[in-house]
Amino acid sequence: MPRRDPRRATAAPFAFSLGLPDPVDEILAIAFEGVPQEAQDHAIDVLRAATERLTARLPARHPRK
């Protein structure tokens, strides 16, 4: 079994965060209720990789003023 990634620790009431806006993380937390931790970890890894690939394709944003 893979070791837990300490970067996933958050102050949120669930054990992961993709760094998305709070409502998105909250929706994912509800969706994962009752799902075994190993399945959650795999799904989070897939979502994180997809998010990174999508982010790499987007043009750089300028900071909001």
PDB file of N, CA and C in Angstrom:
ATOM      1  N   MET A   1       0.848  -1.178   0.000  1.00  0.00           N
ATOM      2  CA  MET A   1       0.000   0.000   0.000  1.00  0.00           C
ATOM      3  C   MET A   1       0.896   1.245   0.000  1.00  0.00           C
ATOM      4  N   PRO A   2       0.605   2.220  -0.872  1.00  0.00           N
ATOM      5  CA  PRO A   2       1.453   3.414  -0.938  1.00  0.00           C
ATOM      6  C   PRO A   2       1.364   4.242   0.339  1.00  0.00           C
ATOM      7  N   ARG A   3       2.429   4.948   0.620  1.00  0.00           N
ATOM      8  CA  ARG A   3       2.451   5.805   1.804  1.00  0.00           C
ATOM      9  C   ARG A   3       1.627   7.049   1.543  1.00  0.00           C
ATOM     10  N   ARG A   4       1.062   7.583   2.599  1.00  0.00           N
ATOM     11  CA  ARG A   4       0.225   8.784   2.514  1.00  0.00           C
ATOM     12  C   ARG A   4       1.090   9.993   2.194  1.00  0.00           C
ATOM     13  N   ASP A   5       0.636  10.812   1.268  1.00  0.00           N
ATOM     14  CA  ASP A   5       1.350  12.020   0.865  1.00  0.00           C
ATOM     15  C   ASP A   5       1.059  13.123   1.881  1.00  0.00           C
ATOM     16  N   PRO A   6       2.066  13.603   2.638  1.00  0.00           N
ATOM     17  CA  PRO A   6       1.807  14.620   3.665  1.00  0.00           C
ATOM     18  C   PRO A   6       1.325  15.939   3.076  1.00  0.00           C
ATOM     19  N   ARG A   7       1.540  16.178   1.787  1.00  0.00           N
ATOM     20  CA  ARG A   7       1.065  17.415   1.169  1.00  0.00           C
ATOM     21  C   ARG A   7      -0.449  17.448   1.075  1.00  0.00           C
ATOM     22  N   ARG A   8      -1.086  16.310   1.266  1.00  0.00           N
ATOM     23  CA  ARG A   8      -2.545  16.257   1.179  1.00  0.00           C
ATOM     24  C   ARG A   8      -3.225  16.711   2.466  1.00  0.00           C
ATOM     25  N   ALA A   9      -2.479  16.839   3.521  1.00  0.00           N
ATOM     26  CA  ALA A   9      -3.075  17.230   4.796  1.00  0.00           C
ATOM     27  C   ALA A   9      -3.632  18.642   4.691  1.00  0.00           C
ATOM     28  N   THR A  10      -4.855  18.818   5.133  1.00  0.00           N
ATOM     29  CA  THR A  10      -5.497  20.133   5.093  1.00  0.00           C
ATOM     30  C   THR A  10      -6.222  20.366   6.404  1.00  0.00           C
ATOM     31  N   ALA A  11      -6.662  21.576   6.589  1.00  0.00           N
ATOM     32  CA  ALA A  11      -7.463  21.902   7.760  1.00  0.00           C
ATOM     33  C   ALA A  11      -8.923  21.539   7.517  1.00  0.00           C
ATOM     34  N   ALA A  12      -9.234  21.125   6.300  1.00  0.00           N
ATOM     35  CA  ALA A  12     -10.600  20.772   5.936  1.00  0.00           C
ATOM     36  C   ALA A  12     -11.014  19.490   6.659  1.00  0.00           C
ATOM     37  N   PRO A  13     -12.314  19.234   6.742  1.00  0.00           N
ATOM     38  CA  PRO A  13     -12.786  18.042   7.447  1.00  0.00           C
ATOM     39  C   PRO A  13     -12.596  16.756   6.658  1.00  0.00           C
ATOM     40  N   PHE A  14     -11.915  16.804   5.543  1.00  0.00           N
ATOM     41  CA  PHE A  14     -11.635  15.616   4.751  1.00  0.00           C
ATOM     42  C   PHE A  14     -10.143  15.554   4.498  1.00  0.00           C
ATOM     43  N   ALA A  15      -9.668  14.433   3.956  1.00  0.00           N
ATOM     44  CA  ALA A  15      -8.229  14.167   3.933  1.00  0.00           C
ATOM     45  C   ALA A  15      -7.532  14.557   2.637  1.00  0.00           C
ATOM     46  N   PHE A  16      -8.144  15.396   1.823  1.00  0.00           N
ATOM     47  CA  PHE A  16      -7.483  15.756   0.578  1.00  0.00           C
ATOM     48  C   PHE A  16      -7.884  17.149   0.126  1.00  0.00           C
ATOM     49  N   SER A  17      -7.121  17.673  -0.770  1.00  0.00           N
ATOM     50  CA  SER A  17      -7.457  18.935  -1.415  1.00  0.00           C
ATOM     51  C   SER A  17      -6.728  18.982  -2.744  1.00  0.00           C
ATOM     52  N   LEU A  18      -7.448  19.382  -3.768  1.00  0.00           N
ATOM     53  CA  LEU A  18      -6.832  19.558  -5.078  1.00  0.00           C
ATOM     54  C   LEU A  18      -6.411  21.000  -5.283  1.00  0.00           C
ATOM     55  N   GLY A  19      -6.612  21.829  -4.273  1.00  0.00           N
ATOM     56  CA  GLY A  19      -6.252  23.228  -4.417  1.00  0.00           C
ATOM     57  C   GLY A  19      -7.278  23.992  -5.237  1.00  0.00           C
ATOM     58  N   LEU A  20      -8.455  23.438  -5.366  1.00  0.00           N
ATOM     59  CA  LEU A  20      -9.520  24.081  -6.120  1.00  0.00           C
ATOM     60  C   LEU A  20     -10.336  24.963  -5.181  1.00  0.00           C
ATOM     61  N   PRO A  21     -11.205  25.805  -5.728  1.00  0.00           N
ATOM     62  CA  PRO A  21     -12.040  26.627  -4.850  1.00  0.00           C
ATOM     63  C   PRO A  21     -12.780  25.755  -3.833  1.00  0.00           C
ATOM     64  N   ASP A  22     -12.992  26.299  -2.656  1.00  0.00           N
ATOM     65  CA  ASP A  22     -13.603  25.533  -1.564  1.00  0.00           C
ATOM     66  C   ASP A  22     -14.859  24.758  -1.965  1.00  0.00           C
ATOM     67  N   PRO A  23     -15.807  25.358  -2.709  1.00  0.00           N
ATOM     68  CA  PRO A  23     -17.006  24.573  -3.046  1.00  0.00           C
ATOM     69  C   PRO A  23     -16.683  23.301  -3.829  1.00  0.00           C
ATOM     70  N   VAL A  24     -15.677  23.341  -4.685  1.00  0.00           N
ATOM     71  CA  VAL A  24     -15.315  22.152  -5.463  1.00  0.00           C
ATOM     72  C   VAL A  24     -14.755  21.081  -4.537  1.00  0.00           C
ATOM     73  N   ASP A  25     -13.845  21.456  -3.651  1.00  0.00           N
ATOM     74  CA  ASP A  25     -13.301  20.489  -2.693  1.00  0.00           C
ATOM     75  C   ASP A  25     -14.415  19.921  -1.813  1.00  0.00           C
ATOM     76  N   GLU A  26     -15.383  20.756  -1.428  1.00  0.00           N
ATOM     77  CA  GLU A  26     -16.486  20.285  -0.591  1.00  0.00           C
ATOM     78  C   GLU A  26     -17.360  19.293  -1.353  1.00  0.00           C
ATOM     79  N   ILE A  27     -17.609  19.569  -2.629  1.00  0.00           N
ATOM     80  CA  ILE A  27     -18.399  18.648  -3.452  1.00  0.00           C
ATOM     81  C   ILE A  27     -17.683  17.305  -3.560  1.00  0.00           C
ATOM     82  N   LEU A  28     -16.370  17.341  -3.791  1.00  0.00           N
ATOM     83  CA  LEU A  28     -15.605  16.096  -3.878  1.00  0.00           C
ATOM     84  C   LEU A  28     -15.634  15.343  -2.552  1.00  0.00           C
ATOM     85  N   ALA A  29     -15.567  16.061  -1.447  1.00  0.00           N
ATOM     86  CA  ALA A  29     -15.607  15.405  -0.137  1.00  0.00           C
ATOM     87  C   ALA A  29     -16.929  14.667   0.050  1.00  0.00           C
ATOM     88  N   ILE A  30     -18.021  15.300  -0.357  1.00  0.00           N
ATOM     89  CA  ILE A  30     -19.331  14.652  -0.250  1.00  0.00           C
ATOM     90  C   ILE A  30     -19.392  13.440  -1.174  1.00  0.00           C
ATOM     91  N   ALA A  31     -18.867  13.585  -2.380  1.00  0.00           N
ATOM     92  CA  ALA A  31     -18.883  12.480  -3.343  1.00  0.00           C
ATOM     93  C   ALA A  31     -18.088  11.281  -2.834  1.00  0.00           C
ATOM     94  N   PHE A  32     -17.033  11.528  -2.065  1.00  0.00           N
ATOM     95  CA  PHE A  32     -16.170  10.456  -1.583  1.00  0.00           C
ATOM     96  C   PHE A  32     -16.596   9.893  -0.230  1.00  0.00           C
ATOM     97  N   GLU A  33     -17.676  10.386   0.361  1.00  0.00           N
ATOM     98  CA  GLU A  33     -18.122   9.854   1.648  1.00  0.00           C
ATOM     99  C   GLU A  33     -18.414   8.365   1.511  1.00  0.00           C
ATOM    100  N   GLY A  34     -17.853   7.582   2.395  1.00  0.00           N
ATOM    101  CA  GLY A  34     -18.088   6.146   2.401  1.00  0.00           C
ATOM    102  C   GLY A  34     -17.243   5.353   1.413  1.00  0.00           C
ATOM    103  N   VAL A  35     -16.436   6.041   0.605  1.00  0.00           N
ATOM    104  CA  VAL A  35     -15.569   5.363  -0.362  1.00  0.00           C
ATOM    105  C   VAL A  35     -14.285   4.955   0.361  1.00  0.00           C
ATOM    106  N   PRO A  36     -13.814   3.727   0.161  1.00  0.00           N
ATOM    107  CA  PRO A  36     -12.581   3.297   0.830  1.00  0.00           C
ATOM    108  C   PRO A  36     -11.412   4.238   0.526  1.00  0.00           C
ATOM    109  N   GLN A  37     -10.536   4.420   1.502  1.00  0.00           N
ATOM    110  CA  GLN A  37      -9.428   5.369   1.385  1.00  0.00           C
ATOM    111  C   GLN A  37      -8.537   5.084   0.176  1.00  0.00           C
ATOM    112  N   GLU A  38      -8.272   3.816  -0.103  1.00  0.00           N
ATOM    113  CA  GLU A  38      -7.415   3.474  -1.245  1.00  0.00           C
ATOM    114  C   GLU A  38      -8.045   3.946  -2.560  1.00  0.00           C
ATOM    115  N   ALA A  39      -9.354   3.784  -2.696  1.00  0.00           N
ATOM    116  CA  ALA A  39     -10.048   4.246  -3.903  1.00  0.00           C
ATOM    117  C   ALA A  39     -10.040   5.771  -3.971  1.00  0.00           C
ATOM    118  N   GLN A  40     -10.216   6.427  -2.822  1.00  0.00           N
ATOM    119  CA  GLN A  40     -10.138   7.891  -2.780  1.00  0.00           C
ATOM    120  C   GLN A  40      -8.764   8.360  -3.235  1.00  0.00           C
ATOM    121  N   ASP A  41      -7.726   7.726  -2.711  1.00  0.00           N
ATOM    122  CA  ASP A  41      -6.354   8.114  -3.062  1.00  0.00           C
ATOM    123  C   ASP A  41      -6.115   7.993  -4.564  1.00  0.00           C
ATOM    124  N   HIS A  42      -6.591   6.891  -5.149  1.00  0.00           N
ATOM    125  CA  HIS A  42      -6.404   6.699  -6.590  1.00  0.00           C
ATOM    126  C   HIS A  42      -7.164   7.771  -7.375  1.00  0.00           C
ATOM    127  N   ALA A  43      -8.408   8.014  -7.015  1.00  0.00           N
ATOM    128  CA  ALA A  43      -9.211   9.019  -7.717  1.00  0.00           C
ATOM    129  C   ALA A  43      -8.591  10.406  -7.588  1.00  0.00           C
ATOM    130  N   ILE A  44      -8.082  10.726  -6.421  1.00  0.00           N
ATOM    131  CA  ILE A  44      -7.445  12.027  -6.196  1.00  0.00           C
ATOM    132  C   ILE A  44      -6.186  12.153  -7.044  1.00  0.00           C
ATOM    133  N   ASP A  45      -5.402  11.084  -7.123  1.00  0.00           N
ATOM    134  CA  ASP A  45      -4.201  11.109  -7.968  1.00  0.00           C
ATOM    135  C   ASP A  45      -4.567  11.352  -9.430  1.00  0.00           C
ATOM    136  N   VAL A  46      -5.628  10.692  -9.905  1.00  0.00           N
ATOM    137  CA  VAL A  46      -6.077  10.872 -11.290  1.00  0.00           C
ATOM    138  C   VAL A  46      -6.558  12.304 -11.507  1.00  0.00           C
ATOM    139  N   LEU A  47      -7.359  12.821 -10.583  1.00  0.00           N
ATOM    140  CA  LEU A  47      -7.857  14.196 -10.705  1.00  0.00           C
ATOM    141  C   LEU A  47      -6.721  15.206 -10.649  1.00  0.00           C
ATOM    142  N   ARG A  48      -5.763  14.978  -9.771  1.00  0.00           N
ATOM    143  CA  ARG A  48      -4.624  15.894  -9.654  1.00  0.00           C
ATOM    144  C   ARG A  48      -3.809  15.901 -10.956  1.00  0.00           C
ATOM    145  N   ALA A  49      -3.548  14.726 -11.520  1.00  0.00           N
ATOM    146  CA  ALA A  49      -2.790  14.645 -12.777  1.00  0.00           C
ATOM    147  C   ALA A  49      -3.543  15.336 -13.910  1.00  0.00           C
ATOM    148  N   ALA A  50      -4.851  15.124 -13.975  1.00  0.00           N
ATOM    149  CA  ALA A  50      -5.644  15.776 -15.020  1.00  0.00           C
ATOM    150  C   ALA A  50      -5.645  17.289 -14.835  1.00  0.00           C
ATOM    151  N   THR A  51      -5.737  17.743 -13.588  1.00  0.00           N
ATOM    152  CA  THR A  51      -5.711  19.179 -13.304  1.00  0.00           C
ATOM    153  C   THR A  51      -4.377  19.779 -13.719  1.00  0.00           C
ATOM    154  N   GLU A  52      -3.283  19.085 -13.422  1.00  0.00           N
ATOM    155  CA  GLU A  52      -1.954  19.584 -13.798  1.00  0.00           C
ATOM    156  C   GLU A  52      -1.794  19.637 -15.314  1.00  0.00           C
ATOM    157  N   ARG A  53      -2.289  18.616 -16.016  1.00  0.00           N
ATOM    158  CA  ARG A  53      -2.195  18.618 -17.484  1.00  0.00           C
ATOM    159  C   ARG A  53      -3.021  19.750 -18.081  1.00  0.00           C
ATOM    160  N   LEU A  54      -4.217  19.950 -17.561  1.00  0.00           N
ATOM    161  CA  LEU A  54      -5.069  21.025 -18.065  1.00  0.00           C
ATOM    162  C   LEU A  54      -4.448  22.383 -17.775  1.00  0.00           C
ATOM    163  N   THR A  55      -3.931  22.557 -16.568  1.00  0.00           N
ATOM    164  CA  THR A  55      -3.303  23.821 -16.183  1.00  0.00           C
ATOM    165  C   THR A  55      -2.108  24.131 -17.075  1.00  0.00           C
ATOM    166  N   ALA A  56      -1.349  23.115 -17.430  1.00  0.00           N
ATOM    167  CA  ALA A  56      -0.180  23.319 -18.292  1.00  0.00           C
ATOM    168  C   ALA A  56      -0.583  23.795 -19.685  1.00  0.00           C
ATOM    169  N   ARG A  57      -1.786  23.463 -20.117  1.00  0.00           N
ATOM    170  CA  ARG A  57      -2.268  23.870 -21.442  1.00  0.00           C
ATOM    171  C   ARG A  57      -2.823  25.289 -21.466  1.00  0.00           C
ATOM    172  N   LEU A  58      -3.205  25.794 -20.316  1.00  0.00           N
ATOM    173  CA  LEU A  58      -3.823  27.119 -20.256  1.00  0.00           C
ATOM    174  C   LEU A  58      -2.769  28.206 -20.352  1.00  0.00           C
ATOM    175  N   PRO A  59      -3.125  29.333 -20.964  1.00  0.00           N
ATOM    176  CA  PRO A  59      -2.174  30.446 -20.995  1.00  0.00           C
ATOM    177  C   PRO A  59      -1.972  30.993 -19.583  1.00  0.00           C
ATOM    178  N   ALA A  60      -0.818  31.577 -19.358  1.00  0.00           N
ATOM    179  CA  ALA A  60      -0.526  32.153 -18.036  1.00  0.00           C
ATOM    180  C   ALA A  60      -1.510  33.283 -17.757  1.00  0.00           C
ATOM    181  N   ARG A  61      -1.981  33.335 -16.540  1.00  0.00           N
ATOM    182  CA  ARG A  61      -2.909  34.398 -16.144  1.00  0.00           C
ATOM    183  C   ARG A  61      -2.145  35.512 -15.465  1.00  0.00           C
ATOM    184  N   HIS A  62      -2.652  36.694 -15.640  1.00  0.00           N
ATOM    185  CA  HIS A  62      -2.092  37.830 -14.924  1.00  0.00           C
ATOM    186  C   HIS A  62      -2.818  37.937 -13.591  1.00  0.00           C
ATOM    187  N   PRO A  63      -2.113  38.298 -12.532  1.00  0.00           N
ATOM    188  CA  PRO A  63      -2.777  38.427 -11.227  1.00  0.00           C
ATOM    189  C   PRO A  63      -3.908  39.446 -11.296  1.00  0.00           C
ATOM    190  N   ARG A  64      -4.961  39.158 -10.577  1.00  0.00           N
ATOM    191  CA  ARG A  64      -6.083  40.113 -10.524  1.00  0.00           C
ATOM    192  C   ARG A  64      -5.675  41.333  -9.732  1.00  0.00           C
ATOM    193  N   LYS A  65      -6.162  42.454 -10.163  1.00  0.00           N
ATOM    194  CA  LYS A  65      -5.837  43.710  -9.465  1.00  0.00           C
ATOM    195  C   LYS A  65      -6.956  44.133  -8.570  1.00  0.00           C
TER     196      LYS A  65
END
